[in-house]
Amino acid sequence: LIGRLRDLAAGCSGASGDCLPTNQRPGL
């Protein structure tokens, strides 16, 4: 599923540089 979502998200500009982040820890 992640592979198919990556294909769907090709060219996206996620905030962390990863279109499918698994870790969204705040800077603190």
PDB file of all heavy atoms in Angstrom:
ATOM      1  N   LEU A   1       0.831  -1.199   0.000  1.00  0.00           N
ATOM      2  CA  LEU A   1       0.000   0.000   0.000  1.00  0.00           C
ATOM      3  C   LEU A   1       0.871   1.256   0.000  1.00  0.00           C
ATOM      4  O   LEU A   1       0.589   2.232  -0.723  1.00  0.00           O
ATOM      5  CB  LEU A   1      -0.918  -0.002   1.222  1.00  0.00           C
ATOM      6  CG  LEU A   1      -1.771   1.250   1.431  1.00  0.00           C
ATOM      7  CD1 LEU A   1      -2.689   1.484   0.238  1.00  0.00           C
ATOM      8  CD2 LEU A   1      -2.578   1.163   2.726  1.00  0.00           C
ATOM      9  N   ILE A   2       1.940   1.246   0.787  1.00  0.00           N
ATOM     10  CA  ILE A   2       2.837   2.403   0.824  1.00  0.00           C
ATOM     11  C   ILE A   2       3.460   2.633  -0.551  1.00  0.00           C
ATOM     12  O   ILE A   2       3.599   3.771  -1.019  1.00  0.00           O
ATOM     13  CB  ILE A   2       3.931   2.201   1.896  1.00  0.00           C
ATOM     14  CG1 ILE A   2       3.318   2.328   3.294  1.00  0.00           C
ATOM     15  CG2 ILE A   2       5.061   3.204   1.723  1.00  0.00           C
ATOM     16  CD1 ILE A   2       4.282   2.069   4.421  1.00  0.00           C
ATOM     17  N   GLY A   3       3.835   1.549  -1.243  1.00  0.00           N
ATOM     18  CA  GLY A   3       4.385   1.694  -2.580  1.00  0.00           C
ATOM     19  C   GLY A   3       3.393   2.323  -3.545  1.00  0.00           C
ATOM     20  O   GLY A   3       3.757   3.197  -4.351  1.00  0.00           O
ATOM     21  N   ARG A   4       2.142   1.919  -3.466  1.00  0.00           N
ATOM     22  CA  ARG A   4       1.124   2.477  -4.362  1.00  0.00           C
ATOM     23  C   ARG A   4       0.827   3.936  -4.014  1.00  0.00           C
ATOM     24  O   ARG A   4       0.588   4.771  -4.895  1.00  0.00           O
ATOM     25  CB  ARG A   4      -0.149   1.631  -4.279  1.00  0.00           C
ATOM     26  CG  ARG A   4       0.059   0.207  -4.749  1.00  0.00           C
ATOM     27  CD  ARG A   4      -1.180  -0.629  -4.641  1.00  0.00           C
ATOM     28  NE  ARG A   4      -2.198  -0.203  -5.606  1.00  0.00           N
ATOM     29  CZ  ARG A   4      -3.409  -0.770  -5.713  1.00  0.00           C
ATOM     30  NH1 ARG A   4      -3.718  -1.792  -4.903  1.00  0.00           N
ATOM     31  NH2 ARG A   4      -4.278  -0.331  -6.599  1.00  0.00           N
ATOM     32  N   LEU A   5       0.870   4.262  -2.707  1.00  0.00           N
ATOM     33  CA  LEU A   5       0.674   5.659  -2.308  1.00  0.00           C
ATOM     34  C   LEU A   5       1.838   6.528  -2.771  1.00  0.00           C
ATOM     35  O   LEU A   5       1.654   7.689  -3.153  1.00  0.00           O
ATOM     36  CB  LEU A   5       0.513   5.757  -0.784  1.00  0.00           C
ATOM     37  CG  LEU A   5      -0.817   5.270  -0.197  1.00  0.00           C
ATOM     38  CD1 LEU A   5      -0.767   5.274   1.329  1.00  0.00           C
ATOM     39  CD2 LEU A   5      -1.975   6.139  -0.685  1.00  0.00           C
ATOM     40  N   ARG A   6       3.055   5.971  -2.755  1.00  0.00           N
ATOM     41  CA  ARG A   6       4.208   6.730  -3.239  1.00  0.00           C
ATOM     42  C   ARG A   6       4.066   7.048  -4.726  1.00  0.00           C
ATOM     43  O   ARG A   6       4.396   8.143  -5.175  1.00  0.00           O
ATOM     44  CB  ARG A   6       5.502   5.938  -2.996  1.00  0.00           C
ATOM     45  CG  ARG A   6       6.110   6.198  -1.667  1.00  0.00           C
ATOM     46  CD  ARG A   6       7.477   5.558  -1.546  1.00  0.00           C
ATOM     47  NE  ARG A   6       7.758   5.295  -0.145  1.00  0.00           N
ATOM     48  CZ  ARG A   6       8.098   6.229   0.715  1.00  0.00           C
ATOM     49  NH1 ARG A   6       8.206   7.483   0.317  1.00  0.00           N
ATOM     50  NH2 ARG A   6       8.303   5.920   1.977  1.00  0.00           N
ATOM     51  N   ASP A   7       3.599   6.072  -5.461  1.00  0.00           N
ATOM     52  CA  ASP A   7       3.383   6.326  -6.888  1.00  0.00           C
ATOM     53  C   ASP A   7       2.333   7.412  -7.084  1.00  0.00           C
ATOM     54  O   ASP A   7       2.476   8.286  -7.956  1.00  0.00           O
ATOM     55  CB  ASP A   7       2.927   5.036  -7.579  1.00  0.00           C
ATOM     56  CG  ASP A   7       4.016   3.967  -7.576  1.00  0.00           C
ATOM     57  OD1 ASP A   7       5.204   4.338  -7.444  1.00  0.00           O
ATOM     58  OD2 ASP A   7       3.675   2.777  -7.688  1.00  0.00           O
ATOM     59  N   LEU A   8       1.302   7.383  -6.244  1.00  0.00           N
ATOM     60  CA  LEU A   8       0.251   8.383  -6.349  1.00  0.00           C
ATOM     61  C   LEU A   8       0.749   9.757  -5.925  1.00  0.00           C
ATOM     62  O   LEU A   8       0.302  10.790  -6.425  1.00  0.00           O
ATOM     63  CB  LEU A   8      -0.943   7.957  -5.482  1.00  0.00           C
ATOM     64  CG  LEU A   8      -2.224   8.799  -5.566  1.00  0.00           C
ATOM     65  CD1 LEU A   8      -2.810   8.725  -6.973  1.00  0.00           C
ATOM     66  CD2 LEU A   8      -3.233   8.325  -4.535  1.00  0.00           C
ATOM     67  N   ALA A   9       1.724   9.772  -4.951  1.00  0.00           N
ATOM     68  CA  ALA A   9       2.227  11.029  -4.391  1.00  0.00           C
ATOM     69  C   ALA A   9       3.481  11.517  -5.091  1.00  0.00           C
ATOM     70  O   ALA A   9       4.170  12.391  -4.575  1.00  0.00           O
ATOM     71  CB  ALA A   9       2.528  10.835  -2.906  1.00  0.00           C
ATOM     72  N   ALA A  10       3.793  10.971  -6.270  1.00  0.00           N
ATOM     73  CA  ALA A  10       5.016  11.370  -6.974  1.00  0.00           C
ATOM     74  C   ALA A  10       5.031  12.875  -7.210  1.00  0.00           C
ATOM     75  O   ALA A  10       4.069  13.455  -7.709  1.00  0.00           O
ATOM     76  CB  ALA A  10       5.116  10.638  -8.304  1.00  0.00           C
ATOM     77  N   GLY A  11       6.135  13.498  -6.812  1.00  0.00           N
ATOM     78  CA  GLY A  11       6.288  14.937  -7.025  1.00  0.00           C
ATOM     79  C   GLY A  11       5.712  15.795  -5.930  1.00  0.00           C
ATOM     80  O   GLY A  11       5.759  17.019  -6.020  1.00  0.00           O
ATOM     81  N   CYS A  12       5.192  15.196  -4.843  1.00  0.00           N
ATOM     82  CA  CYS A  12       4.631  16.025  -3.763  1.00  0.00           C
ATOM     83  C   CYS A  12       5.760  16.666  -2.963  1.00  0.00           C
ATOM     84  O   CYS A  12       6.912  16.243  -3.030  1.00  0.00           O
ATOM     85  CB  CYS A  12       3.734  15.187  -2.854  1.00  0.00           C
ATOM     86  SG  CYS A  12       4.630  14.144  -1.690  1.00  0.00           S
ATOM     87  N   SER A  13       5.414  17.673  -2.172  1.00  0.00           N
ATOM     88  CA  SER A  13       6.429  18.425  -1.397  1.00  0.00           C
ATOM     89  C   SER A  13       6.061  18.387   0.073  1.00  0.00           C
ATOM     90  O   SER A  13       5.558  19.337   0.630  1.00  0.00           O
ATOM     91  CB  SER A  13       6.508  19.878  -1.888  1.00  0.00           C
ATOM     92  OG  SER A  13       5.224  20.485  -1.844  1.00  0.00           O
ATOM     93  N   GLY A  14       6.260  17.219   0.678  1.00  0.00           N
ATOM     94  CA  GLY A  14       5.932  17.087   2.086  1.00  0.00           C
ATOM     95  C   GLY A  14       6.780  17.992   2.952  1.00  0.00           C
ATOM     96  O   GLY A  14       7.900  18.360   2.597  1.00  0.00           O
ATOM     97  N   ALA A  15       6.258  18.344   4.144  1.00  0.00           N
ATOM     98  CA  ALA A  15       6.950  19.282   5.035  1.00  0.00           C
ATOM     99  C   ALA A  15       8.303  18.748   5.469  1.00  0.00           C
ATOM    100  O   ALA A  15       9.246  19.495   5.665  1.00  0.00           O
ATOM    101  CB  ALA A  15       6.069  19.573   6.252  1.00  0.00           C
ATOM    102  N   SER A  16       8.426  17.425   5.630  1.00  0.00           N
ATOM    103  CA  SER A  16       9.678  16.831   6.099  1.00  0.00           C
ATOM    104  C   SER A  16      10.529  16.309   4.958  1.00  0.00           C
ATOM    105  O   SER A  16      11.553  15.676   5.185  1.00  0.00           O
ATOM    106  CB  SER A  16       9.370  15.682   7.067  1.00  0.00           C
ATOM    107  OG  SER A  16       8.613  14.680   6.402  1.00  0.00           O
ATOM    108  N   GLY A  17      10.121  16.578   3.706  1.00  0.00           N
ATOM    109  CA  GLY A  17      10.855  16.047   2.567  1.00  0.00           C
ATOM    110  C   GLY A  17      10.431  14.636   2.228  1.00  0.00           C
ATOM    111  O   GLY A  17      10.919  14.045   1.267  1.00  0.00           O
ATOM    112  N   ASP A  18       9.527  14.056   3.008  1.00  0.00           N
ATOM    113  CA  ASP A  18       9.024  12.711   2.785  1.00  0.00           C
ATOM    114  C   ASP A  18       7.513  12.803   2.622  1.00  0.00           C
ATOM    115  O   ASP A  18       6.820  13.309   3.494  1.00  0.00           O
ATOM    116  CB  ASP A  18       9.392  11.813   3.960  1.00  0.00           C
ATOM    117  CG  ASP A  18       8.978  10.365   3.733  1.00  0.00           C
ATOM    118  OD1 ASP A  18       8.420  10.066   2.654  1.00  0.00           O
ATOM    119  OD2 ASP A  18       9.202   9.538   4.633  1.00  0.00           O
ATOM    120  N   CYS A  19       7.010  12.299   1.510  1.00  0.00           N
ATOM    121  CA  CYS A  19       5.574  12.382   1.267  1.00  0.00           C
ATOM    122  C   CYS A  19       4.788  11.425   2.147  1.00  0.00           C
ATOM    123  O   CYS A  19       3.569  11.568   2.284  1.00  0.00           O
ATOM    124  CB  CYS A  19       5.273  12.081  -0.200  1.00  0.00           C
ATOM    125  SG  CYS A  19       6.004  13.289  -1.322  1.00  0.00           S
ATOM    126  N   LEU A  20       5.457  10.416   2.712  1.00  0.00           N
ATOM    127  CA  LEU A  20       4.777   9.445   3.576  1.00  0.00           C
ATOM    128  C   LEU A  20       5.537   9.324   4.898  1.00  0.00           C
ATOM    129  O   LEU A  20       6.126   8.286   5.200  1.00  0.00           O
ATOM    130  CB  LEU A  20       4.685   8.085   2.882  1.00  0.00           C
ATOM    131  CG  LEU A  20       3.766   8.038   1.659  1.00  0.00           C
ATOM    132  CD1 LEU A  20       4.016   6.783   0.854  1.00  0.00           C
ATOM    133  CD2 LEU A  20       2.314   8.107   2.102  1.00  0.00           C
ATOM    134  N   PRO A  21       5.579  10.371   5.700  1.00  0.00           N
ATOM    135  CA  PRO A  21       6.345  10.324   6.958  1.00  0.00           C
ATOM    136  C   PRO A  21       5.679   9.425   7.991  1.00  0.00           C
ATOM    137  O   PRO A  21       4.450   9.411   8.130  1.00  0.00           O
ATOM    138  CB  PRO A  21       6.350  11.781   7.418  1.00  0.00           C
ATOM    139  CG  PRO A  21       5.102  12.361   6.837  1.00  0.00           C
ATOM    140  CD  PRO A  21       4.920  11.679   5.513  1.00  0.00           C
ATOM    141  N   THR A  22       6.483   8.661   8.696  1.00  0.00           N
ATOM    142  CA  THR A  22       5.983   7.846   9.804  1.00  0.00           C
ATOM    143  C   THR A  22       6.333   8.462  11.154  1.00  0.00           C
ATOM    144  O   THR A  22       5.847   8.009  12.177  1.00  0.00           O
ATOM    145  CB  THR A  22       6.583   6.432   9.741  1.00  0.00           C
ATOM    146  OG1 THR A  22       8.018   6.535   9.758  1.00  0.00           O
ATOM    147  CG2 THR A  22       6.151   5.721   8.470  1.00  0.00           C
ATOM    148  N   ASN A  23       7.183   9.477  11.133  1.00  0.00           N
ATOM    149  CA  ASN A  23       7.595  10.128  12.384  1.00  0.00           C
ATOM    150  C   ASN A  23       7.428  11.628  12.219  1.00  0.00           C
ATOM    151  O   ASN A  23       8.142  12.266  11.454  1.00  0.00           O
ATOM    152  CB  ASN A  23       9.054   9.788  12.702  1.00  0.00           C
ATOM    153  CG  ASN A  23       9.514  10.384  14.016  1.00  0.00           C
ATOM    154  OD1 ASN A  23       8.745  11.050  14.719  1.00  0.00           O
ATOM    155  ND2 ASN A  23      10.756  10.159  14.363  1.00  0.00           N
ATOM    156  N   GLN A  24       6.469  12.198  12.917  1.00  0.00           N
ATOM    157  CA  GLN A  24       6.198  13.628  12.839  1.00  0.00           C
ATOM    158  C   GLN A  24       6.455  14.288  14.192  1.00  0.00           C
ATOM    159  O   GLN A  24       5.633  15.031  14.723  1.00  0.00           O
ATOM    160  CB  GLN A  24       4.757  13.858  12.365  1.00  0.00           C
ATOM    161  CG  GLN A  24       4.546  13.394  10.921  1.00  0.00           C
ATOM    162  CD  GLN A  24       3.104  13.433  10.495  1.00  0.00           C
ATOM    163  OE1 GLN A  24       2.318  12.559  10.835  1.00  0.00           O
ATOM    164  NE2 GLN A  24       2.729  14.458   9.741  1.00  0.00           N
ATOM    165  N   ARG A  25       7.638  13.977  14.748  1.00  0.00           N
ATOM    166  CA  ARG A  25       8.002  14.531  16.053  1.00  0.00           C
ATOM    167  C   ARG A  25       8.273  16.017  15.946  1.00  0.00           C
ATOM    168  O   ARG A  25       8.997  16.460  15.053  1.00  0.00           O
ATOM    169  CB  ARG A  25       9.250  13.835  16.614  1.00  0.00           C
ATOM    170  CG  ARG A  25       9.021  12.411  17.010  1.00  0.00           C
ATOM    171  CD  ARG A  25      10.107  11.871  17.902  1.00  0.00           C
ATOM    172  NE  ARG A  25      11.437  11.952  17.316  1.00  0.00           N
ATOM    173  CZ  ARG A  25      12.468  11.250  17.769  1.00  0.00           C
ATOM    174  NH1 ARG A  25      12.304  10.439  18.795  1.00  0.00           N
ATOM    175  NH2 ARG A  25      13.651  11.363  17.210  1.00  0.00           N
ATOM    176  N   PRO A  26       7.737  16.799  16.881  1.00  0.00           N
ATOM    177  CA  PRO A  26       8.076  18.231  16.906  1.00  0.00           C
ATOM    178  C   PRO A  26       9.557  18.432  17.199  1.00  0.00           C
ATOM    179  O   PRO A  26      10.242  17.540  17.727  1.00  0.00           O
ATOM    180  CB  PRO A  26       7.195  18.778  18.044  1.00  0.00           C
ATOM    181  CG  PRO A  26       6.112  17.773  18.220  1.00  0.00           C
ATOM    182  CD  PRO A  26       6.720  16.447  17.869  1.00  0.00           C
ATOM    183  N   GLY A  27      10.059  19.619  16.882  1.00  0.00           N
ATOM    184  CA  GLY A  27      11.467  19.920  17.104  1.00  0.00           C
ATOM    185  C   GLY A  27      11.880  19.782  18.561  1.00  0.00           C
ATOM    186  O   GLY A  27      12.995  19.335  18.859  1.00  0.00           O
ATOM    187  N   LEU A  28      10.995  20.155  19.488  1.00  0.00           N
ATOM    188  CA  LEU A  28      11.321  20.019  20.912  1.00  0.00           C
ATOM    189  C   LEU A  28      11.583  18.565  21.283  1.00  0.00           C
ATOM    190  O   LEU A  28      12.512  18.263  22.040  1.00  0.00           O
ATOM    191  CB  LEU A  28      10.177  20.577  21.761  1.00  0.00           C
ATOM    192  CG  LEU A  28      10.110  22.092  21.936  1.00  0.00           C
ATOM    193  CD1 LEU A  28       8.842  22.479  22.671  1.00  0.00           C
ATOM    194  CD2 LEU A  28      11.331  22.613  22.686  1.00  0.00           C
TER     195      LEU A  28
END
